[in-house]
Amino acid sequence: MGRAARVLFVDDEETVREALHQWLTLADFEVSTFEEPRAALGLIDESFPGILVSDMRMPGIDGLEVLERALARDPDLPVLLVTGHGDVPMAVEAMQRGAYDFIEKPFVPERLVDAIGRACEKRHLTLRLRRLHAVDDAQGIESRLIGTSRAMENLRREVLGLAATPVNVVINGETGSGKELVAQCLHAFSSRRDGRFVAVNCGAIPDTMMESELFGFEAGAFTGALKRRVGKLEYAHRGTLFLDEIEAMPLAGQVTLLRVLQEGSLERLGSNATVPADLRTVCASKVDLRAHSATGQFRADLYYRLGVAELRIPPLRERREDIPLLFEVFATRAAEAHGRTVRPLSARLIQDLAARPWPGNVRELRNAAERYAFGLDQLDGSQEAATGEPQPLSARVDAFERDLIRHTLQETRGNIAEVMRLLDLPRRTLNEKMQRYGLNRADFTE
C-alpha cells in the first residue's frame, strides 16, 4: 500500500473521523482527516500521491460538489464517497460523473480498507504513467524498459552498464519477453548510437540465402544477382548488429560470421575486395547457447566471441507487479495513436490481468492492451468494462466477494480449511460460493 497510500478523509462527524483514522492507520495508510473539504481540496494537485474519501452529505457542501472540485484539480484523482442507504441514487450519479467508488453506511472496516487500497494502487499507476510520458524517449531508459519491479530495475541497470562498454552481448529470454527492445537500448545508450541498428532474424532466413543476406553480393555473382547489394554486416558498419534467434544460424554461416568478427572486414559474394565491418553484435536466443556449444550444436569459438557478456530478461510471470502499468501504457499509446480515449481500468480488471499466466509475455500483453483500447476485448467480461456504466450495488458486492475468496485461495494455495478459518465460512457455504463464482481449488494448489 505504501507506493501511493496517502488518504484524505472528509466527514463532519468527529466520531466517524476518529474511527476511520484508527482503522486506516492500522492498515498502514497515511491518513489526514478534515471536518470540511476546503482544506483537503487545497492539498490536491496533479502530483498528489494519494486519494480523497468524502462523506456524501455535509453542511454547506455535498459530496457531488466535493467530487467536482477535486476532479477539476486532477481529473484522474480517485475519489470515494461514503453514503447512507438513502443516498445510493446520488452515489450512482456521482459514479457517472467520475467517482472511483462509493461505500454504503454502515460499512465494515475491511470493505472500506479494500476499496481504498485499490484506489491507491490506481493512483500509483496514474502517477507512474505520467512520469513515463514526461521522460524524453531519446534519453530515458525507463520509458523503454517499463516496470517498477526489482527485476526490471536490475535489468535497466545492467543494460546501461553494458551499453557503456564495447563488448558483445547475448540476450536470453522467452518468446515475447522483449529481447529486441533490450538490444535497441544497448545500441541507443552506447557510443554507437549515431550508427545503424541492423536487425537480422536468423530463424527467418533460409540456409541457402544466409551468406548473401549477411555479406551482400556483386552484380553477376550468381543467377539473379542483377546489381550490387550491401549485406547486413556491411550495413551495420560502425553500428550495432542484432542477430535474433542466433541458435538457428547454420554452422557454415557461423564460420563466416566468426571470421568477420575476428578480422573486422568482409568480402561481398563475387568480389575479392575487402570492406570494413566495424560492428558490435547483440544476439538473442531462446536456448542456452553455452549448453548448445558444449554439445556441438553451436560453435564454441563463436559463442565465446558473441557472449562476452550475457543478459537475462525475466518473463512476465516473474514480475507480475509490472503488468497493470505495462497494460495501461500500451493501451494508452494505442488509443492516442488513433485519436481515442482509453477506458479506465477497473480494480477487478487490474486483478485479473495480474493473475493471468501470459505465456506470450509482454508481446501477448501488448496485443491484449491494444484490443482493449479499440474495444475489441473486454478481458474481464464485466458489464462495467464493456459499457463504462457503473454496476448495481449487488453486482459490486458479488465482484468484491469473488475477489476476496479468490485472493484468499491464492494466499493459502488452495487450503480449504485455512480459507474457511480466515473468512469464517462453513464448508458448505464456501463450496456454494466457489461454485457460483467459478473458482476451482485445483487452480490454486500449484
Protein backbone atom coordinates (compact mmCIF):
# COMPACT_ATOMS: atom_id res chain seq x y z
CA MET A 1 0.00 0.00 0.00
CA GLY A 2 2.94 2.33 0.57
CA ARG A 3 3.51 3.44 -3.02
CA ALA A 4 0.55 5.84 -3.20
CA ALA A 5 -1.12 5.42 0.16
CA ARG A 6 -2.00 8.88 1.41
CA VAL A 7 -5.68 9.25 2.21
CA LEU A 8 -7.58 12.49 2.74
CA PHE A 9 -10.85 11.80 4.58
CA VAL A 10 -13.59 14.41 4.89
CA ASP A 11 -16.55 13.96 7.25
CA ASP A 12 -18.37 16.42 9.51
CA GLU A 13 -18.81 13.83 12.31
CA GLU A 14 -15.85 13.71 14.68
CA THR A 15 -16.52 10.15 15.88
CA VAL A 16 -16.50 8.88 12.30
CA ARG A 17 -13.24 10.69 11.58
CA GLU A 18 -11.57 9.27 14.66
CA ALA A 19 -12.71 5.72 13.96
CA LEU A 20 -11.66 5.80 10.33
CA HIS A 21 -8.30 7.38 11.19
CA GLN A 22 -7.63 4.46 13.54
CA TRP A 23 -8.72 1.79 11.02
CA LEU A 24 -6.66 3.16 8.15
CA THR A 25 -3.60 3.84 10.27
CA LEU A 26 -3.63 0.21 11.39
CA ALA A 27 -3.83 -0.73 7.70
CA ASP A 28 -0.58 1.24 7.06
CA PHE A 29 -2.15 4.21 5.27
CA GLU A 30 -1.05 7.78 5.88
CA VAL A 31 -4.33 9.45 6.89
CA SER A 32 -5.35 13.09 7.23
CA THR A 33 -8.91 13.85 8.36
CA PHE A 34 -10.89 17.02 7.78
CA GLU A 35 -14.17 18.37 9.13
CA GLU A 36 -14.85 20.33 5.97
CA PRO A 37 -13.47 19.78 2.45
CA ARG A 38 -11.73 23.05 1.59
CA ALA A 39 -8.52 22.25 3.44
CA ALA A 40 -8.38 18.79 1.87
CA LEU A 41 -9.01 20.13 -1.62
CA GLY A 42 -6.18 22.59 -1.15
CA LEU A 43 -3.71 19.68 -0.91
CA ILE A 44 -4.74 18.16 -4.22
CA ASP A 45 -2.89 18.74 -7.47
CA GLU A 46 -1.73 16.55 -10.36
CA SER A 47 1.23 15.27 -8.34
CA PHE A 48 -0.68 14.46 -5.13
CA PRO A 49 0.31 10.85 -4.23
CA GLY A 50 -2.96 9.66 -2.76
CA ILE A 51 -6.75 9.68 -2.90
CA LEU A 52 -9.76 11.51 -1.48
CA VAL A 53 -12.57 9.95 0.57
CA SER A 54 -15.56 12.16 1.40
CA ASP A 55 -18.91 11.81 3.10
CA MET A 56 -21.83 12.45 0.75
CA ARG A 57 -23.96 14.70 2.98
CA MET A 58 -22.29 17.55 4.86
CA PRO A 59 -23.42 21.04 5.79
CA GLY A 60 -22.57 23.69 3.23
CA ILE A 61 -21.17 21.43 0.52
CA ASP A 62 -22.20 17.92 -0.51
CA GLY A 63 -20.20 15.05 -1.90
CA LEU A 64 -21.07 15.82 -5.52
CA GLU A 65 -19.57 19.28 -5.23
CA VAL A 66 -16.50 17.89 -3.46
CA LEU A 67 -16.13 15.43 -6.34
CA GLU A 68 -16.50 18.18 -8.93
CA ARG A 69 -13.90 20.41 -7.26
CA ALA A 70 -11.44 17.55 -6.76
CA LEU A 71 -11.66 16.39 -10.37
CA ALA A 72 -11.20 19.98 -11.53
CA ARG A 73 -7.80 19.87 -9.82
CA ASP A 74 -6.95 16.45 -11.26
CA PRO A 75 -9.44 14.59 -13.50
CA ASP A 76 -7.70 11.27 -12.75
CA LEU A 77 -7.84 11.51 -8.95
CA PRO A 78 -9.67 8.54 -7.37
CA VAL A 79 -12.50 9.93 -5.23
CA LEU A 80 -14.50 7.59 -3.00
CA LEU A 81 -17.80 8.70 -1.49
CA VAL A 82 -19.31 7.43 1.75
CA THR A 83 -23.08 7.40 1.61
CA GLY A 84 -26.12 6.42 3.63
CA HIS A 85 -28.59 3.90 2.26
CA GLY A 86 -30.98 6.58 1.01
CA ASP A 87 -28.23 8.30 -0.97
CA VAL A 88 -27.44 5.39 -3.30
CA PRO A 89 -29.11 7.07 -6.35
CA MET A 90 -26.96 10.12 -5.69
CA ALA A 91 -23.89 7.93 -5.39
CA VAL A 92 -24.69 6.30 -8.72
CA GLU A 93 -24.88 9.77 -10.24
CA ALA A 94 -21.51 10.52 -8.70
CA MET A 95 -20.06 7.41 -10.36
CA GLN A 96 -21.36 8.66 -13.67
CA ARG A 97 -19.61 11.97 -13.00
CA GLY A 98 -16.27 10.30 -12.38
CA ALA A 99 -16.19 9.00 -8.79
CA TYR A 100 -13.99 5.94 -8.36
CA ASP A 101 -16.33 4.11 -5.97
CA PHE A 102 -18.85 4.59 -3.18
CA ILE A 103 -19.25 2.85 0.17
CA GLU A 104 -22.60 2.45 1.92
CA LYS A 105 -23.03 3.14 5.62
CA PRO A 106 -22.81 1.28 7.88
CA PHE A 107 -19.72 -0.38 6.41
CA VAL A 108 -17.30 -2.94 7.74
CA PRO A 109 -13.75 -1.62 8.02
CA GLU A 110 -12.38 -4.36 5.75
CA ARG A 111 -14.66 -3.28 2.90
CA LEU A 112 -13.51 0.32 3.13
CA VAL A 113 -9.83 -0.61 3.51
CA ASP A 114 -10.02 -2.85 0.45
CA ALA A 115 -11.66 -0.16 -1.70
CA ILE A 116 -9.14 2.45 -0.56
CA GLY A 117 -6.25 0.07 -1.26
CA ARG A 118 -7.44 -0.47 -4.82
CA ALA A 119 -7.90 3.26 -5.35
CA CYS A 120 -4.36 3.92 -4.07
CA GLU A 121 -2.96 1.33 -6.48
CA LYS A 122 -4.83 3.04 -9.31
CA ARG A 123 -3.36 6.39 -8.26
CA HIS A 124 0.13 4.90 -8.25
CA LEU A 125 -0.34 3.64 -11.81
CA THR A 126 -1.61 7.03 -12.96
CA LEU A 127 1.31 8.94 -11.49
CA ARG A 128 3.79 6.40 -12.82
CA LEU A 129 2.31 6.65 -16.30
CA ARG A 130 2.56 10.43 -16.19
CA ARG A 131 6.20 10.27 -15.25
CA LEU A 132 6.85 7.96 -18.17
CA HIS A 133 5.16 10.38 -20.56
CA ALA A 134 7.27 13.20 -19.15
CA VAL A 135 10.54 11.41 -19.89
CA ASP A 136 12.22 12.18 -23.20
CA ASP A 137 12.16 8.93 -25.16
CA ALA A 138 15.60 9.63 -26.58
CA GLN A 139 17.16 9.91 -23.14
CA GLY A 140 15.14 7.94 -20.60
CA ILE A 141 15.55 4.18 -20.41
CA GLU A 142 12.57 3.98 -18.04
CA SER A 143 10.26 4.94 -20.90
CA ARG A 144 11.57 2.00 -22.94
CA LEU A 145 12.11 -0.78 -20.41
CA ILE A 146 8.97 -0.22 -18.38
CA GLY A 147 8.41 -1.56 -14.91
CA THR A 148 8.89 -0.78 -11.23
CA SER A 149 9.76 -4.32 -10.12
CA ARG A 150 13.18 -5.11 -8.72
CA ALA A 151 13.80 -7.38 -11.71
CA MET A 152 13.29 -4.50 -14.16
CA GLU A 153 15.33 -2.10 -12.07
CA ASN A 154 18.19 -4.59 -12.18
CA LEU A 155 17.78 -5.12 -15.92
CA ARG A 156 17.87 -1.38 -16.65
CA ARG A 157 21.00 -1.02 -14.54
CA GLU A 158 22.69 -3.92 -16.36
CA VAL A 159 21.71 -2.56 -19.78
CA LEU A 160 23.11 0.90 -19.04
CA GLY A 161 26.30 -0.64 -17.67
CA LEU A 162 26.84 -2.82 -20.74
CA ALA A 163 25.82 -0.08 -23.16
CA ALA A 164 28.79 1.96 -21.94
CA THR A 165 31.19 -0.83 -22.93
CA PRO A 166 32.16 -2.16 -26.39
CA VAL A 167 31.59 -5.84 -25.54
CA ASN A 168 29.35 -8.18 -27.49
CA VAL A 169 26.23 -9.30 -25.63
CA VAL A 170 23.98 -12.37 -25.70
CA ILE A 171 20.40 -11.81 -24.50
CA ASN A 172 18.48 -14.77 -23.14
CA GLY A 173 14.72 -14.67 -22.80
CA GLU A 174 11.46 -16.38 -23.63
CA THR A 175 9.42 -15.60 -26.71
CA GLY A 176 7.78 -12.18 -26.44
CA SER A 177 9.84 -11.05 -23.46
CA GLY A 178 11.36 -8.06 -25.28
CA LYS A 179 14.79 -9.19 -26.47
CA GLU A 180 14.91 -6.84 -29.45
CA LEU A 181 13.81 -3.91 -27.29
CA VAL A 182 16.71 -4.59 -24.90
CA ALA A 183 19.06 -4.80 -27.89
CA GLN A 184 17.80 -1.43 -29.13
CA CYS A 185 18.50 0.05 -25.70
CA LEU A 186 22.04 -1.35 -25.72
CA HIS A 187 22.52 0.49 -29.02
CA ALA A 188 20.68 3.70 -28.12
CA PHE A 189 22.71 4.28 -24.93
CA SER A 190 26.06 3.30 -26.40
CA SER A 191 28.77 5.29 -28.18
CA ARG A 192 27.48 3.73 -31.44
CA ARG A 193 24.08 5.38 -31.14
CA ASP A 194 24.74 7.52 -34.24
CA GLY A 195 25.36 4.39 -36.30
CA ARG A 196 22.74 1.99 -37.59
CA PHE A 197 20.89 -0.63 -35.59
CA VAL A 198 20.52 -3.54 -38.01
CA ALA A 199 18.26 -6.44 -37.01
CA VAL A 200 18.54 -9.89 -38.59
CA ASN A 201 16.19 -12.76 -37.73
CA CYS A 202 18.38 -15.79 -38.33
CA GLY A 203 15.44 -18.13 -37.96
CA ALA A 204 13.58 -16.48 -40.85
CA ILE A 205 16.39 -16.72 -43.44
CA PRO A 206 16.71 -19.94 -45.47
CA ASP A 207 20.12 -21.61 -45.16
CA THR A 208 20.78 -21.09 -48.88
CA MET A 209 20.30 -17.32 -48.54
CA MET A 210 22.16 -16.75 -45.26
CA GLU A 211 25.51 -15.90 -46.86
CA SER A 212 24.10 -13.43 -49.38
CA GLU A 213 21.96 -11.75 -46.70
CA LEU A 214 24.89 -11.28 -44.35
CA PHE A 215 27.69 -10.49 -46.82
CA GLY A 216 25.87 -8.98 -49.78
CA PHE A 217 26.96 -9.59 -53.37
CA GLU A 218 28.24 -8.04 -56.54
CA ALA A 219 26.25 -7.92 -59.77
CA GLY A 220 26.59 -11.25 -61.59
CA ALA A 221 27.79 -13.15 -58.52
CA PHE A 222 25.06 -15.72 -59.14
CA THR A 223 21.96 -16.15 -61.26
CA GLY A 224 19.52 -13.38 -60.43
CA ALA A 225 22.17 -11.05 -58.94
CA LEU A 226 21.43 -8.15 -61.27
CA LYS A 227 23.07 -5.40 -59.22
CA ARG A 228 25.30 -4.94 -56.19
CA ARG A 229 23.64 -5.42 -52.83
CA VAL A 230 25.14 -4.44 -49.49
CA GLY A 231 24.79 -7.16 -46.87
CA LYS A 232 23.65 -6.78 -43.28
CA LEU A 233 27.16 -6.99 -41.85
CA GLU A 234 28.46 -4.19 -44.03
CA TYR A 235 25.33 -2.13 -43.48
CA ALA A 236 25.91 -2.27 -39.73
CA HIS A 237 29.43 -0.79 -40.05
CA ARG A 238 30.08 1.49 -37.04
CA GLY A 239 26.75 0.50 -35.59
CA THR A 240 25.12 -2.49 -33.88
CA LEU A 241 24.15 -5.81 -35.48
CA PHE A 242 21.28 -7.58 -33.72
CA LEU A 243 21.12 -11.29 -34.52
CA ASP A 244 17.81 -12.68 -33.29
CA GLU A 245 17.38 -16.44 -32.90
CA ILE A 246 21.14 -16.84 -33.35
CA GLU A 247 20.80 -20.53 -32.48
CA ALA A 248 19.09 -21.04 -35.87
CA MET A 249 22.16 -19.89 -37.84
CA PRO A 250 23.63 -22.85 -39.79
CA LEU A 251 27.13 -23.97 -38.88
CA ALA A 252 28.55 -22.76 -42.21
CA GLY A 253 27.19 -19.28 -41.53
CA GLN A 254 28.68 -19.36 -38.04
CA VAL A 255 32.15 -19.95 -39.52
CA THR A 256 31.95 -16.95 -41.83
CA LEU A 257 30.47 -14.71 -39.12
CA LEU A 258 33.32 -15.63 -36.77
CA ARG A 259 35.88 -14.65 -39.43
CA VAL A 260 34.29 -11.25 -39.90
CA LEU A 261 34.25 -10.57 -36.16
CA GLN A 262 37.90 -11.58 -35.86
CA GLU A 263 39.17 -9.61 -38.84
CA GLY A 264 36.80 -6.63 -38.83
CA SER A 265 36.28 -6.86 -42.57
CA LEU A 266 34.44 -8.93 -45.19
CA GLU A 267 34.16 -9.69 -48.88
CA ARG A 268 30.90 -9.50 -50.78
CA LEU A 269 29.97 -12.58 -52.80
CA GLY A 270 31.58 -12.32 -56.22
CA SER A 271 34.24 -9.83 -55.06
CA ASN A 272 37.89 -10.06 -53.99
CA ALA A 273 37.92 -6.63 -52.37
CA THR A 274 37.58 -6.34 -48.62
CA VAL A 275 35.31 -3.77 -46.99
CA PRO A 276 35.43 -2.75 -43.32
CA ALA A 277 32.90 -4.18 -40.89
CA ASP A 278 33.37 -2.42 -37.58
CA LEU A 279 30.34 -3.59 -35.67
CA ARG A 280 29.14 -4.64 -32.28
CA THR A 281 26.96 -7.73 -32.05
CA VAL A 282 24.00 -8.22 -29.79
CA CYS A 283 22.48 -11.68 -30.11
CA ALA A 284 19.24 -13.09 -28.78
CA SER A 285 18.45 -16.69 -28.06
CA LYS A 286 15.59 -18.73 -26.61
CA VAL A 287 18.00 -21.55 -25.72
CA ASP A 288 21.13 -21.86 -23.61
CA LEU A 289 23.90 -21.21 -26.13
CA ARG A 290 26.55 -22.40 -23.68
CA ALA A 291 24.84 -25.80 -23.48
CA HIS A 292 24.39 -25.87 -27.26
CA SER A 293 28.07 -25.13 -27.79
CA ALA A 294 29.02 -27.90 -25.34
CA THR A 295 27.06 -30.45 -27.42
CA GLY A 296 28.33 -29.19 -30.78
CA GLN A 297 25.02 -27.66 -31.87
CA PHE A 298 26.63 -24.22 -31.85
CA ARG A 299 30.28 -23.34 -32.45
CA ALA A 300 32.02 -22.85 -29.11
CA ASP A 301 34.56 -20.37 -30.53
CA LEU A 302 31.73 -18.21 -31.92
CA TYR A 303 29.80 -18.43 -28.66
CA TYR A 304 32.78 -17.11 -26.69
CA ARG A 305 33.18 -14.29 -29.22
CA LEU A 306 29.49 -13.34 -29.07
CA GLY A 307 28.83 -13.95 -25.40
CA VAL A 308 31.42 -11.76 -23.71
CA ALA A 309 28.52 -10.61 -21.54
CA GLU A 310 25.04 -12.06 -21.08
CA LEU A 311 21.69 -10.59 -20.10
CA ARG A 312 18.61 -12.46 -18.95
CA ILE A 313 15.18 -10.91 -19.46
CA PRO A 314 12.72 -12.01 -16.76
CA PRO A 315 9.43 -13.43 -18.08
CA LEU A 316 6.27 -11.57 -17.16
CA ARG A 317 5.28 -14.15 -14.55
CA GLU A 318 8.38 -13.18 -12.53
CA ARG A 319 7.39 -9.52 -12.40
CA ARG A 320 3.62 -9.54 -12.08
CA GLU A 321 3.63 -6.20 -10.28
CA ASP A 322 4.58 -4.59 -13.62
CA ILE A 323 1.58 -5.98 -15.51
CA PRO A 324 -1.01 -3.24 -14.71
CA LEU A 325 1.43 -0.45 -15.57
CA LEU A 326 2.52 -2.12 -18.82
CA PHE A 327 -1.08 -2.75 -19.82
CA GLU A 328 -2.09 0.85 -19.19
CA VAL A 329 0.95 2.20 -21.07
CA PHE A 330 0.26 0.00 -24.11
CA ALA A 331 -3.46 0.75 -24.11
CA THR A 332 -2.88 4.48 -23.76
CA ARG A 333 -0.31 4.56 -26.55
CA ALA A 334 -2.60 2.62 -28.89
CA ALA A 335 -5.55 4.88 -28.09
CA GLU A 336 -3.54 8.09 -28.55
CA ALA A 337 -2.14 6.88 -31.87
CA HIS A 338 -5.69 6.57 -33.23
CA GLY A 339 -7.30 9.56 -31.54
CA ARG A 340 -9.18 7.52 -28.97
CA THR A 341 -9.65 7.83 -25.22
CA VAL A 342 -8.75 4.67 -23.37
CA ARG A 343 -11.26 3.41 -20.84
CA PRO A 344 -10.04 3.47 -17.23
CA LEU A 345 -9.01 0.14 -15.78
CA SER A 346 -11.34 -1.20 -13.14
CA ALA A 347 -9.90 -2.64 -9.95
CA ARG A 348 -11.26 -6.05 -10.90
CA LEU A 349 -9.61 -5.89 -14.33
CA ILE A 350 -6.26 -4.98 -12.75
CA GLN A 351 -6.50 -8.04 -10.51
CA ASP A 352 -7.49 -10.28 -13.41
CA LEU A 353 -4.58 -9.04 -15.53
CA ALA A 354 -2.05 -9.68 -12.77
CA ALA A 355 -3.40 -13.21 -12.21
CA ARG A 356 -3.19 -14.35 -15.85
CA PRO A 357 -0.29 -16.61 -16.91
CA TRP A 358 0.72 -14.60 -20.05
CA PRO A 359 2.73 -17.36 -21.76
CA GLY A 360 3.42 -14.94 -24.64
CA ASN A 361 4.92 -12.44 -22.17
CA VAL A 362 5.00 -8.72 -23.00
CA ARG A 363 4.05 -9.28 -26.64
CA GLU A 364 0.82 -11.04 -25.60
CA LEU A 365 0.09 -8.35 -23.02
CA ARG A 366 0.60 -5.58 -25.58
CA ASN A 367 -1.78 -7.25 -28.03
CA ALA A 368 -4.42 -7.58 -25.31
CA ALA A 369 -3.98 -3.93 -24.32
CA GLU A 370 -4.37 -2.76 -27.90
CA ARG A 371 -7.53 -4.82 -28.34
CA TYR A 372 -8.84 -3.31 -25.13
CA ALA A 373 -8.06 0.22 -26.35
CA PHE A 374 -10.11 -0.41 -29.50
CA GLY A 375 -12.99 -2.04 -27.59
CA LEU A 376 -12.34 -5.44 -29.19
CA ASP A 377 -11.67 -7.35 -25.97
CA GLN A 378 -13.37 -6.67 -22.63
CA LEU A 379 -10.95 -9.03 -20.84
CA ASP A 380 -12.83 -9.29 -17.56
CA GLY A 381 -16.20 -9.76 -19.21
CA SER A 382 -17.86 -7.36 -16.82
CA GLN A 383 -20.66 -5.04 -17.78
CA GLU A 384 -18.75 -2.14 -16.30
CA ALA A 385 -15.73 -2.79 -18.52
CA ALA A 386 -17.90 -3.27 -21.59
CA THR A 387 -20.11 -0.22 -21.25
CA GLY A 388 -18.33 2.12 -18.88
CA GLU A 389 -21.53 2.25 -16.81
CA PRO A 390 -21.36 1.68 -13.03
CA GLN A 391 -22.59 -1.70 -11.85
CA PRO A 392 -25.51 -2.14 -9.45
CA LEU A 393 -24.62 -2.47 -5.79
CA SER A 394 -25.43 -6.19 -5.81
CA ALA A 395 -23.02 -6.78 -8.70
CA ARG A 396 -20.32 -4.80 -6.91
CA VAL A 397 -20.80 -6.87 -3.77
CA ASP A 398 -20.59 -10.08 -5.81
CA ALA A 399 -17.40 -8.88 -7.51
CA PHE A 400 -15.85 -7.98 -4.17
CA GLU A 401 -16.84 -11.32 -2.63
CA ARG A 402 -15.46 -13.26 -5.61
CA ASP A 403 -12.16 -11.36 -5.50
CA LEU A 404 -11.85 -11.83 -1.74
CA ILE A 405 -12.38 -15.59 -1.95
CA ARG A 406 -10.02 -15.89 -4.92
CA HIS A 407 -7.35 -13.84 -3.16
CA THR A 408 -7.65 -15.99 -0.03
CA LEU A 409 -7.38 -19.16 -2.13
CA GLN A 410 -4.23 -17.75 -3.71
CA GLU A 411 -2.73 -16.80 -0.35
CA THR A 412 -3.43 -20.25 1.14
CA ARG A 413 -2.59 -22.15 -2.06
CA GLY A 414 -5.99 -23.77 -2.11
CA ASN A 415 -6.05 -24.84 1.54
CA ILE A 416 -9.82 -25.01 2.03
CA ALA A 417 -9.63 -25.39 5.81
CA GLU A 418 -7.50 -22.26 6.06
CA VAL A 419 -9.85 -20.35 3.76
CA MET A 420 -12.80 -21.36 5.94
CA ARG A 421 -10.94 -20.13 9.02
CA LEU A 422 -9.81 -16.80 7.53
CA LEU A 423 -13.21 -15.97 6.05
CA ASP A 424 -15.21 -17.52 8.89
CA LEU A 425 -17.32 -19.54 6.47
CA PRO A 426 -18.76 -23.05 6.89
CA ARG A 427 -17.65 -25.61 4.32
CA ARG A 428 -20.99 -25.82 2.56
CA THR A 429 -21.29 -22.05 2.19
CA LEU A 430 -17.75 -21.77 0.83
CA ASN A 431 -18.38 -24.57 -1.67
CA GLU A 432 -21.57 -22.91 -2.89
CA LYS A 433 -19.84 -19.56 -3.34
CA MET A 434 -16.85 -21.10 -5.14
CA GLN A 435 -19.20 -22.93 -7.49
CA ARG A 436 -21.20 -19.74 -8.06
CA TYR A 437 -18.09 -17.71 -8.95
CA GLY A 438 -16.39 -20.43 -10.99
CA LEU A 439 -13.49 -20.86 -8.55
CA ASN A 440 -11.75 -24.23 -8.58
CA ARG A 441 -9.45 -25.24 -5.72
CA ALA A 442 -7.12 -27.06 -8.15
CA ASP A 443 -6.27 -23.76 -9.85
CA PHE A 444 -4.62 -22.51 -6.65
CA THR A 445 -2.72 -25.56 -5.40
CA GLU A 446 0.44 -25.19 -7.50
